[in-house]
Amino acid sequence: MAIGDKYTDLTRYLENCGKNTISLTIDEIDVVIGGVLPPWVRNPNRHPWANGNQSFAAGWRNAGYVVTNEDRQNQIITFTKE
């Protein structure tokens, strides 16, 4: 499996949203990707929404987005087109 393949539904969703900036709850992201979101993304002590080169980040990076805000309290992630 190529890097990010597990998250291609997120890539497609962002590519087709037509927005430069979009905010989604973690639950909405999980629905978009078919319920395969790893449970550790909800852990407040981890930083899964970093714009690194890991497979998880490839889901938004492949669509040309970066995470510009992570509201951990409300579990809302904001993606912005690069």
PDB file of N, CA and C in Angstrom:
ATOM      1  N   MET A   1       0.845  -1.177   0.000  1.00  0.00           N
ATOM      2  CA  MET A   1       0.000   0.000   0.000  1.00  0.00           C
ATOM      3  C   MET A   1       0.894   1.245   0.000  1.00  0.00           C
ATOM      4  N   ALA A   2       0.642   2.146  -0.908  1.00  0.00           N
ATOM      5  CA  ALA A   2       1.425   3.382  -0.998  1.00  0.00           C
ATOM      6  C   ALA A   2       1.059   4.323   0.151  1.00  0.00           C
ATOM      7  N   ILE A   3       1.968   5.219   0.462  1.00  0.00           N
ATOM      8  CA  ILE A   3       1.727   6.180   1.529  1.00  0.00           C
ATOM      9  C   ILE A   3       0.467   6.984   1.220  1.00  0.00           C
ATOM     10  N   GLY A   4      -0.448   7.001   2.185  1.00  0.00           N
ATOM     11  CA  GLY A   4      -1.670   7.783   2.056  1.00  0.00           C
ATOM     12  C   GLY A   4      -2.836   7.060   1.419  1.00  0.00           C
ATOM     13  N   ASP A   5      -2.611   5.849   0.887  1.00  0.00           N
ATOM     14  CA  ASP A   5      -3.700   5.127   0.220  1.00  0.00           C
ATOM     15  C   ASP A   5      -4.909   4.921   1.122  1.00  0.00           C
ATOM     16  N   LYS A   6      -4.667   4.683   2.380  1.00  0.00           N
ATOM     17  CA  LYS A   6      -5.750   4.452   3.332  1.00  0.00           C
ATOM     18  C   LYS A   6      -6.633   5.697   3.481  1.00  0.00           C
ATOM     19  N   TYR A   7      -6.093   6.858   3.119  1.00  0.00           N
ATOM     20  CA  TYR A   7      -6.790   8.120   3.323  1.00  0.00           C
ATOM     21  C   TYR A   7      -7.153   8.821   2.006  1.00  0.00           C
ATOM     22  N   THR A   8      -7.254   8.056   0.927  1.00  0.00           N
ATOM     23  CA  THR A   8      -7.581   8.653  -0.372  1.00  0.00           C
ATOM     24  C   THR A   8      -8.974   9.272  -0.386  1.00  0.00           C
ATOM     25  N   ASP A   9      -9.890   8.761   0.431  1.00  0.00           N
ATOM     26  CA  ASP A   9     -11.223   9.369   0.483  1.00  0.00           C
ATOM     27  C   ASP A   9     -11.154  10.790   1.040  1.00  0.00           C
ATOM     28  N   LEU A  10     -10.259  11.025   1.988  1.00  0.00           N
ATOM     29  CA  LEU A  10     -10.066  12.381   2.504  1.00  0.00           C
ATOM     30  C   LEU A  10      -9.450  13.264   1.424  1.00  0.00           C
ATOM     31  N   THR A  11      -8.485  12.719   0.698  1.00  0.00           N
ATOM     32  CA  THR A  11      -7.873  13.467  -0.403  1.00  0.00           C
ATOM     33  C   THR A  11      -8.941  13.894  -1.403  1.00  0.00           C
ATOM     34  N   ARG A  12      -9.763  12.964  -1.832  1.00  0.00           N
ATOM     35  CA  ARG A  12     -10.825  13.269  -2.807  1.00  0.00           C
ATOM     36  C   ARG A  12     -11.829  14.271  -2.256  1.00  0.00           C
ATOM     37  N   TYR A  13     -12.190  14.098  -0.994  1.00  0.00           N
ATOM     38  CA  TYR A  13     -13.149  15.008  -0.370  1.00  0.00           C
ATOM     39  C   TYR A  13     -12.625  16.446  -0.398  1.00  0.00           C
ATOM     40  N   LEU A  14     -11.381  16.610  -0.001  1.00  0.00           N
ATOM     41  CA  LEU A  14     -10.799  17.952   0.014  1.00  0.00           C
ATOM     42  C   LEU A  14     -10.626  18.508  -1.400  1.00  0.00           C
ATOM     43  N   GLU A  15     -10.225  17.662  -2.335  1.00  0.00           N
ATOM     44  CA  GLU A  15     -10.069  18.115  -3.725  1.00  0.00           C
ATOM     45  C   GLU A  15     -11.394  18.603  -4.298  1.00  0.00           C
ATOM     46  N   ASN A  16     -12.478  18.003  -3.875  1.00  0.00           N
ATOM     47  CA  ASN A  16     -13.792  18.327  -4.434  1.00  0.00           C
ATOM     48  C   ASN A  16     -14.606  19.314  -3.601  1.00  0.00           C
ATOM     49  N   CYS A  17     -14.086  19.750  -2.464  1.00  0.00           N
ATOM     50  CA  CYS A  17     -14.877  20.632  -1.596  1.00  0.00           C
ATOM     51  C   CYS A  17     -15.014  22.043  -2.160  1.00  0.00           C
ATOM     52  N   GLY A  18     -14.088  22.452  -3.013  1.00  0.00           N
ATOM     53  CA  GLY A  18     -14.185  23.776  -3.629  1.00  0.00           C
ATOM     54  C   GLY A  18     -13.886  24.931  -2.691  1.00  0.00           C
ATOM     55  N   LYS A  19     -13.225  24.660  -1.589  1.00  0.00           N
ATOM     56  CA  LYS A  19     -12.934  25.706  -0.612  1.00  0.00           C
ATOM     57  C   LYS A  19     -11.434  25.828  -0.400  1.00  0.00           C
ATOM     58  N   ASN A  20     -11.003  27.052  -0.129  1.00  0.00           N
ATOM     59  CA  ASN A  20      -9.599  27.271   0.215  1.00  0.00           C
ATOM     60  C   ASN A  20      -9.322  26.883   1.659  1.00  0.00           C
ATOM     61  N   THR A  21     -10.336  27.036   2.512  1.00  0.00           N
ATOM     62  CA  THR A  21     -10.234  26.659   3.919  1.00  0.00           C
ATOM     63  C   THR A  21     -11.488  25.900   4.303  1.00  0.00           C
ATOM     64  N   ILE A  22     -11.297  24.791   5.002  1.00  0.00           N
ATOM     65  CA  ILE A  22     -12.433  23.985   5.448  1.00  0.00           C
ATOM     66  C   ILE A  22     -12.126  23.435   6.830  1.00  0.00           C
ATOM     67  N   SER A  23     -13.116  23.517   7.720  1.00  0.00           N
ATOM     68  CA  SER A  23     -12.986  22.974   9.066  1.00  0.00           C
ATOM     69  C   SER A  23     -13.910  21.766   9.191  1.00  0.00           C
ATOM     70  N   LEU A  24     -13.361  20.687   9.725  1.00  0.00           N
ATOM     71  CA  LEU A  24     -14.114  19.453   9.912  1.00  0.00           C
ATOM     72  C   LEU A  24     -13.877  18.932  11.320  1.00  0.00           C
ATOM     73  N   THR A  25     -14.905  18.348  11.908  1.00  0.00           N
ATOM     74  CA  THR A  25     -14.696  17.698  13.193  1.00  0.00           C
ATOM     75  C   THR A  25     -13.983  16.375  12.933  1.00  0.00           C
ATOM     76  N   ILE A  26     -13.389  15.840  13.972  1.00  0.00           N
ATOM     77  CA  ILE A  26     -12.729  14.545  13.835  1.00  0.00           C
ATOM     78  C   ILE A  26     -13.755  13.483  13.453  1.00  0.00           C
ATOM     79  N   ASP A  27     -14.958  13.576  13.993  1.00  0.00           N
ATOM     80  CA  ASP A  27     -16.017  12.623  13.627  1.00  0.00           C
ATOM     81  C   ASP A  27     -16.372  12.733  12.148  1.00  0.00           C
ATOM     82  N   GLU A  28     -16.430  13.958  11.606  1.00  0.00           N
ATOM     83  CA  GLU A  28     -16.722  14.142  10.178  1.00  0.00           C
ATOM     84  C   GLU A  28     -15.609  13.540   9.325  1.00  0.00           C
ATOM     85  N   ILE A  29     -14.380  13.741   9.728  1.00  0.00           N
ATOM     86  CA  ILE A  29     -13.247  13.171   8.989  1.00  0.00           C
ATOM     87  C   ILE A  29     -13.344  11.650   9.000  1.00  0.00           C
ATOM     88  N   ASP A  30     -13.698  11.084  10.143  1.00  0.00           N
ATOM     89  CA  ASP A  30     -13.825   9.638  10.251  1.00  0.00           C
ATOM     90  C   ASP A  30     -14.900   9.109   9.308  1.00  0.00           C
ATOM     91  N   VAL A  31     -16.006   9.816   9.188  1.00  0.00           N
ATOM     92  CA  VAL A  31     -17.071   9.409   8.259  1.00  0.00           C
ATOM     93  C   VAL A  31     -16.565   9.478   6.820  1.00  0.00           C
ATOM     94  N   VAL A  32     -15.874  10.564   6.482  1.00  0.00           N
ATOM     95  CA  VAL A  32     -15.352  10.747   5.123  1.00  0.00           C
ATOM     96  C   VAL A  32     -14.446   9.590   4.721  1.00  0.00           C
ATOM     97  N   ILE A  33     -13.621   9.130   5.643  1.00  0.00           N
ATOM     98  CA  ILE A  33     -12.661   8.082   5.289  1.00  0.00           C
ATOM     99  C   ILE A  33     -13.169   6.673   5.577  1.00  0.00           C
ATOM    100  N   GLY A  34     -14.440   6.557   5.900  1.00  0.00           N
ATOM    101  CA  GLY A  34     -15.037   5.241   6.058  1.00  0.00           C
ATOM    102  C   GLY A  34     -14.769   4.553   7.386  1.00  0.00           C
ATOM    103  N   GLY A  35     -14.534   5.352   8.421  1.00  0.00           N
ATOM    104  CA  GLY A  35     -14.372   4.793   9.757  1.00  0.00           C
ATOM    105  C   GLY A  35     -13.044   4.131  10.033  1.00  0.00           C
ATOM    106  N   VAL A  36     -12.009   4.489   9.287  1.00  0.00           N
ATOM    107  CA  VAL A  36     -10.689   3.880   9.512  1.00  0.00           C
ATOM    108  C   VAL A  36      -9.732   4.811  10.253  1.00  0.00           C
ATOM    109  N   LEU A  37     -10.270   5.870  10.843  1.00  0.00           N
ATOM    110  CA  LEU A  37      -9.426   6.810  11.586  1.00  0.00           C
ATOM    111  C   LEU A  37      -8.848   6.110  12.810  1.00  0.00           C
ATOM    112  N   PRO A  38      -7.535   6.160  12.971  1.00  0.00           N
ATOM    113  CA  PRO A  38      -6.936   5.489  14.126  1.00  0.00           C
ATOM    114  C   PRO A  38      -7.392   6.139  15.437  1.00  0.00           C
ATOM    115  N   PRO A  39      -7.628   5.365  16.478  1.00  0.00           N
ATOM    116  CA  PRO A  39      -8.131   5.917  17.737  1.00  0.00           C
ATOM    117  C   PRO A  39      -7.177   6.914  18.400  1.00  0.00           C
ATOM    118  N   TRP A  40      -5.891   6.796  18.142  1.00  0.00           N
ATOM    119  CA  TRP A  40      -4.928   7.694  18.776  1.00  0.00           C
ATOM    120  C   TRP A  40      -5.046   9.141  18.312  1.00  0.00           C
ATOM    121  N   VAL A  41      -5.774   9.430  17.229  1.00  0.00           N
ATOM    122  CA  VAL A  41      -5.888  10.819  16.773  1.00  0.00           C
ATOM    123  C   VAL A  41      -6.680  11.682  17.749  1.00  0.00           C
ATOM    124  N   ARG A  42      -7.442  11.047  18.617  1.00  0.00           N
ATOM    125  CA  ARG A  42      -8.226  11.787  19.618  1.00  0.00           C
ATOM    126  C   ARG A  42      -7.443  12.017  20.915  1.00  0.00           C
ATOM    127  N   ASN A  43      -6.258  11.456  21.004  1.00  0.00           N
ATOM    128  CA  ASN A  43      -5.436  11.570  22.198  1.00  0.00           C
ATOM    129  C   ASN A  43      -4.855  12.982  22.281  1.00  0.00           C
ATOM    130  N   PRO A  44      -5.180  13.730  23.353  1.00  0.00           N
ATOM    131  CA  PRO A  44      -4.689  15.110  23.467  1.00  0.00           C
ATOM    132  C   PRO A  44      -3.178  15.216  23.650  1.00  0.00           C
ATOM    133  N   ASN A  45      -2.525  14.101  23.952  1.00  0.00           N
ATOM    134  CA  ASN A  45      -1.073  14.120  24.149  1.00  0.00           C
ATOM    135  C   ASN A  45      -0.292  13.798  22.882  1.00  0.00           C
ATOM    136  N   ARG A  46      -0.996  13.511  21.809  1.00  0.00           N
ATOM    137  CA  ARG A  46      -0.335  13.214  20.533  1.00  0.00           C
ATOM    138  C   ARG A  46      -0.617  14.358  19.565  1.00  0.00           C
ATOM    139  N   HIS A  47       0.163  14.427  18.517  1.00  0.00           N
ATOM    140  CA  HIS A  47       0.000  15.485  17.514  1.00  0.00           C
ATOM    141  C   HIS A  47      -0.174  14.864  16.125  1.00  0.00           C
ATOM    142  N   PRO A  48      -1.295  14.174  15.916  1.00  0.00           N
ATOM    143  CA  PRO A  48      -1.491  13.488  14.642  1.00  0.00           C
ATOM    144  C   PRO A  48      -1.753  14.429  13.468  1.00  0.00           C
ATOM    145  N   TRP A  49      -2.108  15.662  13.780  1.00  0.00           N
ATOM    146  CA  TRP A  49      -2.490  16.581  12.705  1.00  0.00           C
ATOM    147  C   TRP A  49      -1.323  17.429  12.229  1.00  0.00           C
ATOM    148  N   ALA A  50      -0.104  16.998  12.517  1.00  0.00           N
ATOM    149  CA  ALA A  50       1.085  17.685  12.014  1.00  0.00           C
ATOM    150  C   ALA A  50       1.157  17.480  10.502  1.00  0.00           C
ATOM    151  N   ASN A  51       1.750  18.410   9.829  1.00  0.00           N
ATOM    152  CA  ASN A  51       1.847  18.365   8.368  1.00  0.00           C
ATOM    153  C   ASN A  51       3.102  17.641   7.918  1.00  0.00           C
ATOM    154  N   GLY A  52       3.376  16.504   8.504  1.00  0.00           N
ATOM    155  CA  GLY A  52       4.565  15.725   8.175  1.00  0.00           C
ATOM    156  C   GLY A  52       4.374  14.856   6.950  1.00  0.00           C
ATOM    157  N   ASN A  53       5.249  13.895   6.808  1.00  0.00           N
ATOM    158  CA  ASN A  53       5.219  13.005   5.646  1.00  0.00           C
ATOM    159  C   ASN A  53       4.647  11.637   5.965  1.00  0.00           C
ATOM    160  N   GLN A  54       4.023  11.486   7.136  1.00  0.00           N
ATOM    161  CA  GLN A  54       3.452  10.205   7.485  1.00  0.00           C
ATOM    162  C   GLN A  54       2.212   9.911   6.632  1.00  0.00           C
ATOM    163  N   SER A  55       1.826   8.657   6.597  1.00  0.00           N
ATOM    164  CA  SER A  55       0.704   8.208   5.786  1.00  0.00           C
ATOM    165  C   SER A  55      -0.570   8.989   6.090  1.00  0.00           C
ATOM    166  N   PHE A  56      -0.810   9.244   7.360  1.00  0.00           N
ATOM    167  CA  PHE A  56      -2.012   9.954   7.780  1.00  0.00           C
ATOM    168  C   PHE A  56      -2.081  11.348   7.144  1.00  0.00           C
ATOM    169  N   ALA A  57      -0.983  12.092   7.203  1.00  0.00           N
ATOM    170  CA  ALA A  57      -0.953  13.446   6.647  1.00  0.00           C
ATOM    171  C   ALA A  57      -1.056  13.456   5.129  1.00  0.00           C
ATOM    172  N   ALA A  58      -0.680  12.361   4.490  1.00  0.00           N
ATOM    173  CA  ALA A  58      -0.772  12.299   3.030  1.00  0.00           C
ATOM    174  C   ALA A  58      -2.206  12.492   2.565  1.00  0.00           C
ATOM    175  N   GLY A  59      -3.175  12.145   3.407  1.00  0.00           N
ATOM    176  CA  GLY A  59      -4.580  12.325   3.049  1.00  0.00           C
ATOM    177  C   GLY A  59      -4.919  13.758   2.704  1.00  0.00           C
ATOM    178  N   TRP A  60      -4.392  14.715   3.432  1.00  0.00           N
ATOM    179  CA  TRP A  60      -4.661  16.121   3.105  1.00  0.00           C
ATOM    180  C   TRP A  60      -3.546  16.733   2.280  1.00  0.00           C
ATOM    181  N   ARG A  61      -2.323  16.279   2.473  1.00  0.00           N
ATOM    182  CA  ARG A  61      -1.207  16.844   1.702  1.00  0.00           C
ATOM    183  C   ARG A  61      -1.356  16.537   0.214  1.00  0.00           C
ATOM    184  N   ASN A  62      -1.820  15.328  -0.116  1.00  0.00           N
ATOM    185  CA  ASN A  62      -2.009  14.961  -1.526  1.00  0.00           C
ATOM    186  C   ASN A  62      -3.082  15.807  -2.207  1.00  0.00           C
ATOM    187  N   ALA A  63      -3.958  16.407  -1.429  1.00  0.00           N
ATOM    188  CA  ALA A  63      -4.998  17.282  -1.977  1.00  0.00           C
ATOM    189  C   ALA A  63      -4.528  18.734  -2.039  1.00  0.00           C
ATOM    190  N   GLY A  64      -3.300  18.995  -1.556  1.00  0.00           N
ATOM    191  CA  GLY A  64      -2.755  20.351  -1.591  1.00  0.00           C
ATOM    192  C   GLY A  64      -3.128  21.195  -0.389  1.00  0.00           C
ATOM    193  N   TYR A  65      -3.494  20.554   0.719  1.00  0.00           N
ATOM    194  CA  TYR A  65      -3.883  21.266   1.928  1.00  0.00           C
ATOM    195  C   TYR A  65      -2.853  21.056   3.033  1.00  0.00           C
ATOM    196  N   VAL A  66      -2.866  21.976   3.984  1.00  0.00           N
ATOM    197  CA  VAL A  66      -2.107  21.840   5.217  1.00  0.00           C
ATOM    198  C   VAL A  66      -3.074  22.097   6.373  1.00  0.00           C
ATOM    199  N   VAL A  67      -2.764  21.536   7.526  1.00  0.00           N
ATOM    200  CA  VAL A  67      -3.556  21.822   8.715  1.00  0.00           C
ATOM    201  C   VAL A  67      -3.081  23.162   9.256  1.00  0.00           C
ATOM    202  N   THR A  68      -4.025  24.101   9.396  1.00  0.00           N
ATOM    203  CA  THR A  68      -3.671  25.429   9.886  1.00  0.00           C
ATOM    204  C   THR A  68      -4.203  25.693  11.285  1.00  0.00           C
ATOM    205  N   ASN A  69      -5.102  24.826  11.764  1.00  0.00           N
ATOM    206  CA  ASN A  69      -5.583  24.971  13.141  1.00  0.00           C
ATOM    207  C   ASN A  69      -6.092  23.628  13.638  1.00  0.00           C
ATOM    208  N   GLU A  70      -5.789  23.368  14.882  1.00  0.00           N
ATOM    209  CA  GLU A  70      -6.246  22.145  15.538  1.00  0.00           C
ATOM    210  C   GLU A  70      -6.876  22.547  16.863  1.00  0.00           C
ATOM    211  N   ASP A  71      -8.200  22.559  16.900  1.00  0.00           N
ATOM    212  CA  ASP A  71      -8.934  22.887  18.117  1.00  0.00           C
ATOM    213  C   ASP A  71      -9.171  21.577  18.863  1.00  0.00           C
ATOM    214  N   ARG A  72      -8.276  21.249  19.778  1.00  0.00           N
ATOM    215  CA  ARG A  72      -8.340  19.963  20.487  1.00  0.00           C
ATOM    216  C   ARG A  72      -9.568  19.875  21.384  1.00  0.00           C
ATOM    217  N   GLN A  73      -9.969  20.977  21.978  1.00  0.00           N
ATOM    218  CA  GLN A  73     -11.114  20.950  22.890  1.00  0.00           C
ATOM    219  C   GLN A  73     -12.393  20.559  22.152  1.00  0.00           C
ATOM    220  N   ASN A  74     -12.610  21.156  20.992  1.00  0.00           N
ATOM    221  CA  ASN A  74     -13.824  20.881  20.210  1.00  0.00           C
ATOM    222  C   ASN A  74     -13.604  19.837  19.130  1.00  0.00           C
ATOM    223  N   GLN A  75     -12.377  19.330  19.020  1.00  0.00           N
ATOM    224  CA  GLN A  75     -11.998  18.325  18.042  1.00  0.00           C
ATOM    225  C   GLN A  75     -12.347  18.765  16.617  1.00  0.00           C
ATOM    226  N   ILE A  76     -11.903  19.988  16.281  1.00  0.00           N
ATOM    227  CA  ILE A  76     -12.110  20.543  14.948  1.00  0.00           C
ATOM    228  C   ILE A  76     -10.747  20.797  14.313  1.00  0.00           C
ATOM    229  N   ILE A  77     -10.609  20.312  13.082  1.00  0.00           N
ATOM    230  CA  ILE A  77      -9.360  20.474  12.337  1.00  0.00           C
ATOM    231  C   ILE A  77      -9.645  21.383  11.153  1.00  0.00           C
ATOM    232  N   THR A  78      -8.795  22.386  10.964  1.00  0.00           N
ATOM    233  CA  THR A  78      -8.947  23.311   9.842  1.00  0.00           C
ATOM    234  C   THR A  78      -7.848  23.047   8.831  1.00  0.00           C
ATOM    235  N   PHE A  79      -8.267  22.822   7.589  1.00  0.00           N
ATOM    236  CA  PHE A  79      -7.354  22.583   6.471  1.00  0.00           C
ATOM    237  C   PHE A  79      -7.386  23.816   5.568  1.00  0.00           C
ATOM    238  N   THR A  80      -6.225  24.235   5.088  1.00  0.00           N
ATOM    239  CA  THR A  80      -6.137  25.383   4.193  1.00  0.00           C
ATOM    240  C   THR A  80      -5.324  24.991   2.965  1.00  0.00           C
ATOM    241  N   LYS A  81      -5.829  25.392   1.804  1.00  0.00           N
ATOM    242  CA  LYS A  81      -5.160  25.110   0.540  1.00  0.00           C
ATOM    243  C   LYS A  81      -3.822  25.840   0.518  1.00  0.00           C
ATOM    244  N   GLU A  82      -2.778  25.101   0.124  1.00  0.00           N
ATOM    245  CA  GLU A  82      -1.437  25.722   0.030  1.00  0.00           C
ATOM    246  C   GLU A  82      -1.351  26.642  -1.161  1.00  0.00           C
TER     247      GLU A  82
END
